[in-house]
Amino acid sequence: MPLPMRAWKAGMKAEKAKAAKKVMMKIANAKLMKKVMKKGMKIAKKKKTKEVSKIASGQLAKWGVFRGSLEKSATDLRKSDLVMRKKDKIVYHKRHASGKKTYAHIKAWTMVCQTAHN
């Protein structure tokens, strides 16, 4: 004999509630799993920080050493070995001294040439 409509609706409500509960549990489990997986991913994704070189190389190597942001140049020159020329160029202090010494020998000749030119 068929169930009265009221009883049938109550049964359907209970079944729907069960189905909804099952779906909600699946969603909750999925969310939980996602959370756990994300945590695992975060741990796996952590990378070491790149080690910054203390040795300067490239065109502006001497500037970096002279400024003090780097320890030495690729040719092993430290800040104490470098000096700035009159026209803002960083050079090895021995090279600077050598140039001055060389110019001292021809200084008189260059002065004579300049006066002769004018």
PDB file of N, CA and C in Angstrom:
ATOM      1  N   MET A   1       0.822  -1.178   0.000  1.00  0.00           N
ATOM      2  CA  MET A   1       0.000   0.000   0.000  1.00  0.00           C
ATOM      3  C   MET A   1       0.875   1.254   0.000  1.00  0.00           C
ATOM      4  N   PRO A   2       0.561   2.236  -0.850  1.00  0.00           N
ATOM      5  CA  PRO A   2       1.388   3.432  -0.927  1.00  0.00           C
ATOM      6  C   PRO A   2       1.329   4.259   0.357  1.00  0.00           C
ATOM      7  N   LEU A   3       2.468   4.908   0.625  1.00  0.00           N
ATOM      8  CA  LEU A   3       2.563   5.740   1.830  1.00  0.00           C
ATOM      9  C   LEU A   3       1.761   7.018   1.656  1.00  0.00           C
ATOM     10  N   PRO A   4       1.204   7.506   2.761  1.00  0.00           N
ATOM     11  CA  PRO A   4       0.537   8.799   2.656  1.00  0.00           C
ATOM     12  C   PRO A   4       1.572   9.880   2.301  1.00  0.00           C
ATOM     13  N   MET A   5       1.101  10.925   1.686  1.00  0.00           N
ATOM     14  CA  MET A   5       1.978  11.977   1.174  1.00  0.00           C
ATOM     15  C   MET A   5       2.867  12.563   2.263  1.00  0.00           C
ATOM     16  N   ARG A   6       2.318  12.777   3.460  1.00  0.00           N
ATOM     17  CA  ARG A   6       3.080  13.372   4.551  1.00  0.00           C
ATOM     18  C   ARG A   6       4.259  12.478   4.932  1.00  0.00           C
ATOM     19  N   ALA A   7       4.017  11.224   5.067  1.00  0.00           N
ATOM     20  CA  ALA A   7       5.055  10.264   5.442  1.00  0.00           C
ATOM     21  C   ALA A   7       6.105  10.175   4.328  1.00  0.00           C
ATOM     22  N   TRP A   8       5.639  10.204   3.114  1.00  0.00           N
ATOM     23  CA  TRP A   8       6.550  10.114   1.976  1.00  0.00           C
ATOM     24  C   TRP A   8       7.479  11.323   1.945  1.00  0.00           C
ATOM     25  N   LYS A   9       6.917  12.548   2.172  1.00  0.00           N
ATOM     26  CA  LYS A   9       7.710  13.777   2.188  1.00  0.00           C
ATOM     27  C   LYS A   9       8.735  13.743   3.308  1.00  0.00           C
ATOM     28  N   ALA A  10       8.342  13.244   4.464  1.00  0.00           N
ATOM     29  CA  ALA A  10       9.254  13.160   5.607  1.00  0.00           C
ATOM     30  C   ALA A  10      10.420  12.236   5.279  1.00  0.00           C
ATOM     31  N   GLY A  11      10.110  11.121   4.650  1.00  0.00           N
ATOM     32  CA  GLY A  11      11.159  10.167   4.243  1.00  0.00           C
ATOM     33  C   GLY A  11      12.115  10.793   3.236  1.00  0.00           C
ATOM     34  N   MET A  12      11.543  11.546   2.291  1.00  0.00           N
ATOM     35  CA  MET A  12      12.361  12.205   1.271  1.00  0.00           C
ATOM     36  C   MET A  12      13.274  13.254   1.904  1.00  0.00           C
ATOM     37  N   LYS A  13      12.712  13.988   2.896  1.00  0.00           N
ATOM     38  CA  LYS A  13      13.496  15.007   3.589  1.00  0.00           C
ATOM     39  C   LYS A  13      14.708  14.373   4.259  1.00  0.00           C
ATOM     40  N   ALA A  14      14.452  13.240   4.917  1.00  0.00           N
ATOM     41  CA  ALA A  14      15.522  12.533   5.614  1.00  0.00           C
ATOM     42  C   ALA A  14      16.585  12.071   4.625  1.00  0.00           C
ATOM     43  N   GLU A  15      16.142  11.542   3.479  1.00  0.00           N
ATOM     44  CA  GLU A  15      17.088  11.071   2.461  1.00  0.00           C
ATOM     45  C   GLU A  15      17.908  12.231   1.898  1.00  0.00           C
ATOM     46  N   LYS A  16      17.214  13.358   1.640  1.00  0.00           N
ATOM     47  CA  LYS A  16      17.910  14.534   1.120  1.00  0.00           C
ATOM     48  C   LYS A  16      18.937  15.042   2.133  1.00  0.00           C
ATOM     49  N   ALA A  17      18.528  15.031   3.400  1.00  0.00           N
ATOM     50  CA  ALA A  17      19.428  15.484   4.460  1.00  0.00           C
ATOM     51  C   ALA A  17      20.669  14.598   4.512  1.00  0.00           C
ATOM     52  N   LYS A  18      20.464  13.272   4.371  1.00  0.00           N
ATOM     53  CA  LYS A  18      21.584  12.324   4.381  1.00  0.00           C
ATOM     54  C   LYS A  18      22.523  12.616   3.212  1.00  0.00           C
ATOM     55  N   ALA A  19      21.908  12.806   2.035  1.00  0.00           N
ATOM     56  CA  ALA A  19      22.702  13.076   0.836  1.00  0.00           C
ATOM     57  C   ALA A  19      23.482  14.382   0.993  1.00  0.00           C
ATOM     58  N   ALA A  20      22.794  15.399   1.520  1.00  0.00           N
ATOM     59  CA  ALA A  20      23.438  16.695   1.722  1.00  0.00           C
ATOM     60  C   ALA A  20      24.590  16.569   2.716  1.00  0.00           C
ATOM     61  N   LYS A  21      24.359  15.786   3.772  1.00  0.00           N
ATOM     62  CA  LYS A  21      25.383  15.590   4.796  1.00  0.00           C
ATOM     63  C   LYS A  21      26.613  14.915   4.183  1.00  0.00           C
ATOM     64  N   LYS A  22      26.343  13.922   3.313  1.00  0.00           N
ATOM     65  CA  LYS A  22      27.425  13.195   2.658  1.00  0.00           C
ATOM     66  C   LYS A  22      28.258  14.154   1.793  1.00  0.00           C
ATOM     67  N   VAL A  23      27.543  14.992   1.037  1.00  0.00           N
ATOM     68  CA  VAL A  23      28.213  15.962   0.173  1.00  0.00           C
ATOM     69  C   VAL A  23      29.026  16.943   1.013  1.00  0.00           C
ATOM     70  N   MET A  24      28.422  17.430   2.095  1.00  0.00           N
ATOM     71  CA  MET A  24      29.103  18.386   2.969  1.00  0.00           C
ATOM     72  C   MET A  24      30.356  17.769   3.587  1.00  0.00           C
ATOM     73  N   MET A  25      30.268  16.506   3.958  1.00  0.00           N
ATOM     74  CA  MET A  25      31.420  15.808   4.531  1.00  0.00           C
ATOM     75  C   MET A  25      32.534  15.711   3.491  1.00  0.00           C
ATOM     76  N   LYS A  26      32.131  15.404   2.244  1.00  0.00           N
ATOM     77  CA  LYS A  26      33.124  15.315   1.175  1.00  0.00           C
ATOM     78  C   LYS A  26      33.817  16.661   0.985  1.00  0.00           C
ATOM     79  N   ILE A  27      33.006  17.728   0.973  1.00  0.00           N
ATOM     80  CA  ILE A  27      33.553  19.074   0.798  1.00  0.00           C
ATOM     81  C   ILE A  27      34.480  19.419   1.956  1.00  0.00           C
ATOM     82  N   ALA A  28      34.032  19.111   3.176  1.00  0.00           N
ATOM     83  CA  ALA A  28      34.839  19.394   4.361  1.00  0.00           C
ATOM     84  C   ALA A  28      36.159  18.631   4.296  1.00  0.00           C
ATOM     85  N   ASN A  29      36.070  17.352   3.900  1.00  0.00           N
ATOM     86  CA  ASN A  29      37.284  16.546   3.772  1.00  0.00           C
ATOM     87  C   ASN A  29      38.202  17.115   2.690  1.00  0.00           C
ATOM     88  N   ALA A  30      37.579  17.559   1.598  1.00  0.00           N
ATOM     89  CA  ALA A  30      38.362  18.129   0.503  1.00  0.00           C
ATOM     90  C   ALA A  30      39.080  19.390   0.969  1.00  0.00           C
ATOM     91  N   LYS A  31      38.352  20.231   1.736  1.00  0.00           N
ATOM     92  CA  LYS A  31      38.946  21.467   2.247  1.00  0.00           C
ATOM     93  C   LYS A  31      40.101  21.152   3.185  1.00  0.00           C
ATOM     94  N   LEU A  32      39.873  20.174   4.045  1.00  0.00           N
ATOM     95  CA  LEU A  32      40.903  19.767   4.997  1.00  0.00           C
ATOM     96  C   LEU A  32      42.126  19.242   4.251  1.00  0.00           C
ATOM     97  N   MET A  33      41.869  18.414   3.253  1.00  0.00           N
ATOM     98  CA  MET A  33      42.969  17.854   2.469  1.00  0.00           C
ATOM     99  C   MET A  33      43.733  18.963   1.743  1.00  0.00           C
ATOM    100  N   LYS A  34      42.972  19.929   1.225  1.00  0.00           N
ATOM    101  CA  LYS A  34      43.590  21.040   0.517  1.00  0.00           C
ATOM    102  C   LYS A  34      44.512  21.812   1.463  1.00  0.00           C
ATOM    103  N   LYS A  35      44.009  22.026   2.685  1.00  0.00           N
ATOM    104  CA  LYS A  35      44.779  22.748   3.693  1.00  0.00           C
ATOM    105  C   LYS A  35      46.073  21.999   4.010  1.00  0.00           C
ATOM    106  N   VAL A  36      45.936  20.701   4.203  1.00  0.00           N
ATOM    107  CA  VAL A  36      47.094  19.863   4.518  1.00  0.00           C
ATOM    108  C   VAL A  36      48.081  19.873   3.357  1.00  0.00           C
ATOM    109  N   MET A  37      47.554  19.766   2.145  1.00  0.00           N
ATOM    110  CA  MET A  37      48.413  19.750   0.965  1.00  0.00           C
ATOM    111  C   MET A  37      49.141  21.081   0.797  1.00  0.00           C
ATOM    112  N   LYS A  38      48.412  22.183   1.037  1.00  0.00           N
ATOM    113  CA  LYS A  38      49.022  23.498   0.917  1.00  0.00           C
ATOM    114  C   LYS A  38      50.172  23.640   1.899  1.00  0.00           C
ATOM    115  N   LYS A  39      49.948  23.167   3.121  1.00  0.00           N
ATOM    116  CA  LYS A  39      50.978  23.248   4.152  1.00  0.00           C
ATOM    117  C   LYS A  39      52.210  22.479   3.702  1.00  0.00           C
ATOM    118  N   GLY A  40      51.969  21.305   3.163  1.00  0.00           N
ATOM    119  CA  GLY A  40      53.069  20.484   2.648  1.00  0.00           C
ATOM    120  C   GLY A  40      53.790  21.176   1.511  1.00  0.00           C
ATOM    121  N   MET A  41      53.026  21.827   0.642  1.00  0.00           N
ATOM    122  CA  MET A  41      53.604  22.523  -0.499  1.00  0.00           C
ATOM    123  C   MET A  41      54.469  23.685  -0.021  1.00  0.00           C
ATOM    124  N   LYS A  42      53.961  24.409   0.993  1.00  0.00           N
ATOM    125  CA  LYS A  42      54.716  25.546   1.511  1.00  0.00           C
ATOM    126  C   LYS A  42      56.057  25.091   2.059  1.00  0.00           C
ATOM    127  N   ILE A  43      56.048  23.994   2.751  1.00  0.00           N
ATOM    128  CA  ILE A  43      57.291  23.471   3.315  1.00  0.00           C
ATOM    129  C   ILE A  43      58.235  23.070   2.189  1.00  0.00           C
ATOM    130  N   ALA A  44      57.702  22.453   1.173  1.00  0.00           N
ATOM    131  CA  ALA A  44      58.526  21.993   0.058  1.00  0.00           C
ATOM    132  C   ALA A  44      59.058  23.159  -0.770  1.00  0.00           C
ATOM    133  N   LYS A  45      58.294  24.260  -0.847  1.00  0.00           N
ATOM    134  CA  LYS A  45      58.667  25.373  -1.705  1.00  0.00           C
ATOM    135  C   LYS A  45      59.763  26.255  -1.113  1.00  0.00           C
ATOM    136  N   LYS A  46      60.001  26.184   0.195  1.00  0.00           N
ATOM    137  CA  LYS A  46      61.004  27.046   0.806  1.00  0.00           C
ATOM    138  C   LYS A  46      62.361  26.788   0.176  1.00  0.00           C
ATOM    139  N   LYS A  47      62.989  27.860  -0.305  1.00  0.00           N
ATOM    140  CA  LYS A  47      64.284  27.739  -0.960  1.00  0.00           C
ATOM    141  C   LYS A  47      65.339  28.473  -0.146  1.00  0.00           C
ATOM    142  N   LYS A  48      66.555  28.089  -0.358  1.00  0.00           N
ATOM    143  CA  LYS A  48      67.656  28.773   0.308  1.00  0.00           C
ATOM    144  C   LYS A  48      67.852  30.123  -0.368  1.00  0.00           C
ATOM    145  N   THR A  49      68.288  31.107   0.410  1.00  0.00           N
ATOM    146  CA  THR A  49      68.576  32.401  -0.179  1.00  0.00           C
ATOM    147  C   THR A  49      69.899  32.304  -0.926  1.00  0.00           C
ATOM    148  N   LYS A  50      69.963  32.993  -2.038  1.00  0.00           N
ATOM    149  CA  LYS A  50      71.156  32.941  -2.876  1.00  0.00           C
ATOM    150  C   LYS A  50      72.311  33.624  -2.149  1.00  0.00           C
ATOM    151  N   GLU A  51      73.461  32.972  -2.155  1.00  0.00           N
ATOM    152  CA  GLU A  51      74.629  33.536  -1.486  1.00  0.00           C
ATOM    153  C   GLU A  51      75.190  34.656  -2.352  1.00  0.00           C
ATOM    154  N   VAL A  52      75.321  35.833  -1.760  1.00  0.00           N
ATOM    155  CA  VAL A  52      75.812  36.989  -2.495  1.00  0.00           C
ATOM    156  C   VAL A  52      77.335  36.983  -2.463  1.00  0.00           C
ATOM    157  N   SER A  53      77.936  37.168  -3.630  1.00  0.00           N
ATOM    158  CA  SER A  53      79.393  37.138  -3.745  1.00  0.00           C
ATOM    159  C   SER A  53      80.011  38.386  -3.135  1.00  0.00           C
ATOM    160  N   LYS A  54      81.144  38.223  -2.473  1.00  0.00           N
ATOM    161  CA  LYS A  54      81.864  39.358  -1.904  1.00  0.00           C
ATOM    162  C   LYS A  54      82.956  39.823  -2.855  1.00  0.00           C
ATOM    163  N   ILE A  55      83.115  39.094  -3.958  1.00  0.00           N
ATOM    164  CA  ILE A  55      84.137  39.427  -4.944  1.00  0.00           C
ATOM    165  C   ILE A  55      83.480  40.183  -6.094  1.00  0.00           C
ATOM    166  N   ALA A  56      84.000  41.371  -6.372  1.00  0.00           N
ATOM    167  CA  ALA A  56      83.432  42.216  -7.421  1.00  0.00           C
ATOM    168  C   ALA A  56      83.966  41.809  -8.780  1.00  0.00           C
ATOM    169  N   SER A  57      83.079  41.823  -9.773  1.00  0.00           N
ATOM    170  CA  SER A  57      83.514  41.551 -11.140  1.00  0.00           C
ATOM    171  C   SER A  57      82.710  42.424 -12.083  1.00  0.00           C
ATOM    172  N   GLY A  58      83.221  42.620 -13.269  1.00  0.00           N
ATOM    173  CA  GLY A  58      82.507  43.428 -14.251  1.00  0.00           C
ATOM    174  C   GLY A  58      83.080  44.828 -14.364  1.00  0.00           C
ATOM    175  N   GLN A  59      82.367  45.668 -15.112  1.00  0.00           N
ATOM    176  CA  GLN A  59      82.863  47.013 -15.397  1.00  0.00           C
ATOM    177  C   GLN A  59      82.970  47.886 -14.155  1.00  0.00           C
ATOM    178  N   LEU A  60      82.011  47.777 -13.272  1.00  0.00           N
ATOM    179  CA  LEU A  60      82.006  48.639 -12.086  1.00  0.00           C
ATOM    180  C   LEU A  60      82.554  47.938 -10.846  1.00  0.00           C
ATOM    181  N   ALA A  61      83.420  46.969 -11.041  1.00  0.00           N
ATOM    182  CA  ALA A  61      83.954  46.187  -9.931  1.00  0.00           C
ATOM    183  C   ALA A  61      84.703  47.067  -8.934  1.00  0.00           C
ATOM    184  N   LYS A  62      85.579  47.910  -9.448  1.00  0.00           N
ATOM    185  CA  LYS A  62      86.393  48.754  -8.563  1.00  0.00           C
ATOM    186  C   LYS A  62      85.530  49.756  -7.803  1.00  0.00           C
ATOM    187  N   TRP A  63      84.453  50.214  -8.435  1.00  0.00           N
ATOM    188  CA  TRP A  63      83.543  51.139  -7.754  1.00  0.00           C
ATOM    189  C   TRP A  63      82.896  50.456  -6.557  1.00  0.00           C
ATOM    190  N   GLY A  64      82.472  49.214  -6.744  1.00  0.00           N
ATOM    191  CA  GLY A  64      81.843  48.469  -5.652  1.00  0.00           C
ATOM    192  C   GLY A  64      82.781  48.282  -4.487  1.00  0.00           C
ATOM    193  N   VAL A  65      84.035  47.998  -4.781  1.00  0.00           N
ATOM    194  CA  VAL A  65      85.047  47.801  -3.739  1.00  0.00           C
ATOM    195  C   VAL A  65      85.351  49.136  -3.070  1.00  0.00           C
ATOM    196  N   PHE A  66      85.511  50.182  -3.867  1.00  0.00           N
ATOM    197  CA  PHE A  66      85.839  51.510  -3.332  1.00  0.00           C
ATOM    198  C   PHE A  66      84.718  52.044  -2.444  1.00  0.00           C
ATOM    199  N   ARG A  67      83.474  51.766  -2.835  1.00  0.00           N
ATOM    200  CA  ARG A  67      82.303  52.192  -2.064  1.00  0.00           C
ATOM    201  C   ARG A  67      82.204  51.429  -0.747  1.00  0.00           C
ATOM    202  N   GLY A  68      82.724  50.183  -0.755  1.00  0.00           N
ATOM    203  CA  GLY A  68      82.702  49.376   0.462  1.00  0.00           C
ATOM    204  C   GLY A  68      81.620  48.322   0.481  1.00  0.00           C
ATOM    205  N   SER A  69      80.844  48.205  -0.597  1.00  0.00           N
ATOM    206  CA  SER A  69      79.769  47.209  -0.620  1.00  0.00           C
ATOM    207  C   SER A  69      80.291  45.819  -0.961  1.00  0.00           C
ATOM    208  N   LEU A  70      81.508  45.746  -1.509  1.00  0.00           N
ATOM    209  CA  LEU A  70      82.124  44.455  -1.825  1.00  0.00           C
ATOM    210  C   LEU A  70      83.522  44.408  -1.215  1.00  0.00           C
ATOM    211  N   GLU A  71      84.002  43.205  -0.946  1.00  0.00           N
ATOM    212  CA  GLU A  71      85.281  43.059  -0.252  1.00  0.00           C
ATOM    213  C   GLU A  71      86.492  43.309  -1.136  1.00  0.00           C
ATOM    214  N   LYS A  72      86.525  42.634  -2.289  1.00  0.00           N
ATOM    215  CA  LYS A  72      87.691  42.761  -3.166  1.00  0.00           C
ATOM    216  C   LYS A  72      87.280  42.557  -4.614  1.00  0.00           C
ATOM    217  N   SER A  73      88.171  42.963  -5.521  1.00  0.00           N
ATOM    218  CA  SER A  73      87.894  42.775  -6.948  1.00  0.00           C
ATOM    219  C   SER A  73      88.377  41.395  -7.371  1.00  0.00           C
ATOM    220  N   ALA A  74      88.066  41.029  -8.598  1.00  0.00           N
ATOM    221  CA  ALA A  74      88.477  39.722  -9.108  1.00  0.00           C
ATOM    222  C   ALA A  74      89.996  39.615  -9.188  1.00  0.00           C
ATOM    223  N   THR A  75      90.676  40.779  -9.288  1.00  0.00           N
ATOM    224  CA  THR A  75      92.140  40.792  -9.338  1.00  0.00           C
ATOM    225  C   THR A  75      92.748  40.991  -7.954  1.00  0.00           C
ATOM    226  N   ASP A  76      91.957  40.761  -6.917  1.00  0.00           N
ATOM    227  CA  ASP A  76      92.402  40.795  -5.517  1.00  0.00           C
ATOM    228  C   ASP A  76      92.747  42.191  -4.993  1.00  0.00           C
ATOM    229  N   LEU A  77      92.151  43.233  -5.554  1.00  0.00           N
ATOM    230  CA  LEU A  77      92.387  44.583  -5.055  1.00  0.00           C
ATOM    231  C   LEU A  77      91.358  44.917  -3.988  1.00  0.00           C
ATOM    232  N   ARG A  78      91.820  45.434  -2.866  1.00  0.00           N
ATOM    233  CA  ARG A  78      90.928  45.831  -1.772  1.00  0.00           C
ATOM    234  C   ARG A  78      90.810  47.352  -1.753  1.00  0.00           C
ATOM    235  N   LYS A  79      89.972  47.878  -0.860  1.00  0.00           N
ATOM    236  CA  LYS A  79      89.742  49.319  -0.821  1.00  0.00           C
ATOM    237  C   LYS A  79      91.038  50.079  -0.545  1.00  0.00           C
ATOM    238  N   SER A  80      91.885  49.514   0.300  1.00  0.00           N
ATOM    239  CA  SER A  80      93.148  50.176   0.646  1.00  0.00           C
ATOM    240  C   SER A  80      94.093  50.278  -0.558  1.00  0.00           C
ATOM    241  N   ASP A  81      93.875  49.448  -1.581  1.00  0.00           N
ATOM    242  CA  ASP A  81      94.731  49.456  -2.775  1.00  0.00           C
ATOM    243  C   ASP A  81      94.236  50.427  -3.844  1.00  0.00           C
ATOM    244  N   LEU A  82      93.043  50.965  -3.675  1.00  0.00           N
ATOM    245  CA  LEU A  82      92.440  51.793  -4.718  1.00  0.00           C
ATOM    246  C   LEU A  82      92.465  53.273  -4.362  1.00  0.00           C
ATOM    247  N   VAL A  83      92.527  54.102  -5.391  1.00  0.00           N
ATOM    248  CA  VAL A  83      92.518  55.545  -5.215  1.00  0.00           C
ATOM    249  C   VAL A  83      91.724  56.160  -6.372  1.00  0.00           C
ATOM    250  N   MET A  84      91.147  57.354  -6.145  1.00  0.00           N
ATOM    251  CA  MET A  84      90.366  57.993  -7.196  1.00  0.00           C
ATOM    252  C   MET A  84      91.213  59.055  -7.904  1.00  0.00           C
ATOM    253  N   ARG A  85      91.211  59.009  -9.217  1.00  0.00           N
ATOM    254  CA  ARG A  85      91.930  60.005 -10.006  1.00  0.00           C
ATOM    255  C   ARG A  85      91.168  61.319 -10.003  1.00  0.00           C
ATOM    256  N   LYS A  86      91.795  62.338 -10.605  1.00  0.00           N
ATOM    257  CA  LYS A  86      91.190  63.667 -10.655  1.00  0.00           C
ATOM    258  C   LYS A  86      89.848  63.650 -11.385  1.00  0.00           C
ATOM    259  N   LYS A  87      89.751  62.828 -12.440  1.00  0.00           N
ATOM    260  CA  LYS A  87      88.520  62.796 -13.232  1.00  0.00           C
ATOM    261  C   LYS A  87      87.616  61.629 -12.841  1.00  0.00           C
ATOM    262  N   ASP A  88      87.525  61.347 -11.561  1.00  0.00           N
ATOM    263  CA  ASP A  88      86.602  60.341 -10.996  1.00  0.00           C
ATOM    264  C   ASP A  88      86.753  58.937 -11.563  1.00  0.00           C
ATOM    265  N   LYS A  89      87.962  58.486 -11.721  1.00  0.00           N
ATOM    266  CA  LYS A  89      88.175  57.104 -12.130  1.00  0.00           C
ATOM    267  C   LYS A  89      88.919  56.398 -11.006  1.00  0.00           C
ATOM    268  N   ILE A  90      88.452  55.207 -10.657  1.00  0.00           N
ATOM    269  CA  ILE A  90      89.083  54.436  -9.592  1.00  0.00           C
ATOM    270  C   ILE A  90      90.201  53.598 -10.204  1.00  0.00           C
ATOM    271  N   VAL A  91      91.417  53.744  -9.666  1.00  0.00           N
ATOM    272  CA  VAL A  91      92.561  52.983 -10.178  1.00  0.00           C
ATOM    273  C   VAL A  91      93.376  52.412  -9.023  1.00  0.00           C
ATOM    274  N   TYR A  92      94.222  51.456  -9.350  1.00  0.00           N
ATOM    275  CA  TYR A  92      95.141  50.850  -8.395  1.00  0.00           C
ATOM    276  C   TYR A  92      96.153  51.929  -8.001  1.00  0.00           C
ATOM    277  N   HIS A  93      96.408  52.122  -6.709  1.00  0.00           N
ATOM    278  CA  HIS A  93      97.230  53.250  -6.265  1.00  0.00           C
ATOM    279  C   HIS A  93      98.658  53.179  -6.807  1.00  0.00           C
ATOM    280  N   LYS A  94      99.192  51.987  -7.026  1.00  0.00           N
ATOM    281  CA  LYS A  94     100.549  51.866  -7.576  1.00  0.00           C
ATOM    282  C   LYS A  94     100.571  52.331  -9.034  1.00  0.00           C
ATOM    283  N   ARG A  95      99.492  52.058  -9.748  1.00  0.00           N
ATOM    284  CA  ARG A  95      99.397  52.483 -11.145  1.00  0.00           C
ATOM    285  C   ARG A  95      99.307  54.010 -11.213  1.00  0.00           C
ATOM    286  N   HIS A  96      98.570  54.595 -10.278  1.00  0.00           N
ATOM    287  CA  HIS A  96      98.416  56.043 -10.199  1.00  0.00           C
ATOM    288  C   HIS A  96      99.777  56.692  -9.933  1.00  0.00           C
ATOM    289  N   ALA A  97     100.513  56.131  -8.983  1.00  0.00           N
ATOM    290  CA  ALA A  97     101.836  56.656  -8.635  1.00  0.00           C
ATOM    291  C   ALA A  97     102.797  56.528  -9.814  1.00  0.00           C
ATOM    292  N   SER A  98     102.698  55.405 -10.517  1.00  0.00           N
ATOM    293  CA  SER A  98     103.562  55.163 -11.682  1.00  0.00           C
ATOM    294  C   SER A  98     103.312  56.209 -12.763  1.00  0.00           C
ATOM    295  N   GLY A  99     102.043  56.528 -12.989  1.00  0.00           N
ATOM    296  CA  GLY A  99     101.681  57.532 -13.990  1.00  0.00           C
ATOM    297  C   GLY A  99     102.199  58.905 -13.620  1.00  0.00           C
ATOM    298  N   LYS A 100     102.091  59.253 -12.343  1.00  0.00           N
ATOM    299  CA  LYS A 100     102.570  60.555 -11.874  1.00  0.00           C
ATOM    300  C   LYS A 100     104.083  60.657 -12.057  1.00  0.00           C
ATOM    301  N   LYS A 101     104.765  59.559 -11.745  1.00  0.00           N
ATOM    302  CA  LYS A 101     106.224  59.506 -11.851  1.00  0.00           C
ATOM    303  C   LYS A 101     106.654  59.675 -13.313  1.00  0.00           C
ATOM    304  N   THR A 102     105.941  59.000 -14.206  1.00  0.00           N
ATOM    305  CA  THR A 102     106.241  59.084 -15.639  1.00  0.00           C
ATOM    306  C   THR A 102     106.016  60.503 -16.150  1.00  0.00           C
ATOM    307  N   TYR A 103     104.933  61.116 -15.721  1.00  0.00           N
ATOM    308  CA  TYR A 103     104.605  62.466 -16.178  1.00  0.00           C
ATOM    309  C   TYR A 103     105.623  63.475 -15.658  1.00  0.00           C
ATOM    310  N   ALA A 104     106.173  63.230 -14.474  1.00  0.00           N
ATOM    311  CA  ALA A 104     107.149  64.149 -13.892  1.00  0.00           C
ATOM    312  C   ALA A 104     108.353  64.319 -14.816  1.00  0.00           C
ATOM    313  N   HIS A 105     108.707  63.266 -15.561  1.00  0.00           N
ATOM    314  CA  HIS A 105     109.863  63.334 -16.463  1.00  0.00           C
ATOM    315  C   HIS A 105     109.589  64.206 -17.690  1.00  0.00           C
ATOM    316  N   ILE A 106     108.338  64.271 -18.122  1.00  0.00           N
ATOM    317  CA  ILE A 106     108.037  65.025 -19.348  1.00  0.00           C
ATOM    318  C   ILE A 106     107.249  66.308 -19.077  1.00  0.00           C
ATOM    319  N   LYS A 107     107.114  66.666 -17.805  1.00  0.00           N
ATOM    320  CA  LYS A 107     106.317  67.835 -17.435  1.00  0.00           C
ATOM    321  C   LYS A 107     106.882  69.111 -18.077  1.00  0.00           C
ATOM    322  N   ALA A 108     108.188  69.304 -17.980  1.00  0.00           N
ATOM    323  CA  ALA A 108     108.818  70.509 -18.521  1.00  0.00           C
ATOM    324  C   ALA A 108     108.613  70.586 -20.030  1.00  0.00           C
ATOM    325  N   TRP A 109     108.744  69.455 -20.693  1.00  0.00           N
ATOM    326  CA  TRP A 109     108.594  69.410 -22.153  1.00  0.00           C
ATOM    327  C   TRP A 109     107.165  69.774 -22.561  1.00  0.00           C
ATOM    328  N   THR A 110     106.161  69.258 -21.838  1.00  0.00           N
ATOM    329  CA  THR A 110     104.763  69.570 -22.169  1.00  0.00           C
ATOM    330  C   THR A 110     104.473  71.054 -21.950  1.00  0.00           C
ATOM    331  N   MET A 111     105.077  71.634 -20.917  1.00  0.00           N
ATOM    332  CA  MET A 111     104.868  73.066 -20.646  1.00  0.00           C
ATOM    333  C   MET A 111     105.450  73.900 -21.802  1.00  0.00           C
ATOM    334  N   VAL A 112     106.631  73.520 -22.258  1.00  0.00           N
ATOM    335  CA  VAL A 112     107.282  74.230 -23.365  1.00  0.00           C
ATOM    336  C   VAL A 112     106.430  74.123 -24.628  1.00  0.00           C
ATOM    337  N   CYS A 113     105.913  72.934 -24.893  1.00  0.00           N
ATOM    338  CA  CYS A 113     105.064  72.722 -26.074  1.00  0.00           C
ATOM    339  C   CYS A 113     103.803  73.572 -26.004  1.00  0.00           C
ATOM    340  N   GLN A 114     103.221  73.680 -24.828  1.00  0.00           N
ATOM    341  CA  GLN A 114     101.994  74.477 -24.660  1.00  0.00           C
ATOM    342  C   GLN A 114     102.263  75.955 -24.923  1.00  0.00           C
ATOM    343  N   THR A 115     103.372  76.452 -24.377  1.00  0.00           N
ATOM    344  CA  THR A 115     103.688  77.877 -24.583  1.00  0.00           C
ATOM    345  C   THR A 115     104.005  78.148 -26.053  1.00  0.00           C
ATOM    346  N   ALA A 116     104.682  77.198 -26.707  1.00  0.00           N
ATOM    347  CA  ALA A 116     105.019  77.360 -28.122  1.00  0.00           C
ATOM    348  C   ALA A 116     103.748  77.349 -28.974  1.00  0.00           C
ATOM    349  N   HIS A 117     102.786  76.555 -28.574  1.00  0.00           N
ATOM    350  CA  HIS A 117     101.529  76.435 -29.309  1.00  0.00           C
ATOM    351  C   HIS A 117     100.717  77.729 -29.222  1.00  0.00           C
ATOM    352  N   ASN A 118     100.782  78.366 -28.054  1.00  0.00           N
ATOM    353  CA  ASN A 118     100.010  79.604 -27.844  1.00  0.00           C
ATOM    354  C   ASN A 118     100.818  80.760 -28.325  1.00  0.00           C
TER     355      ASN A 118
END
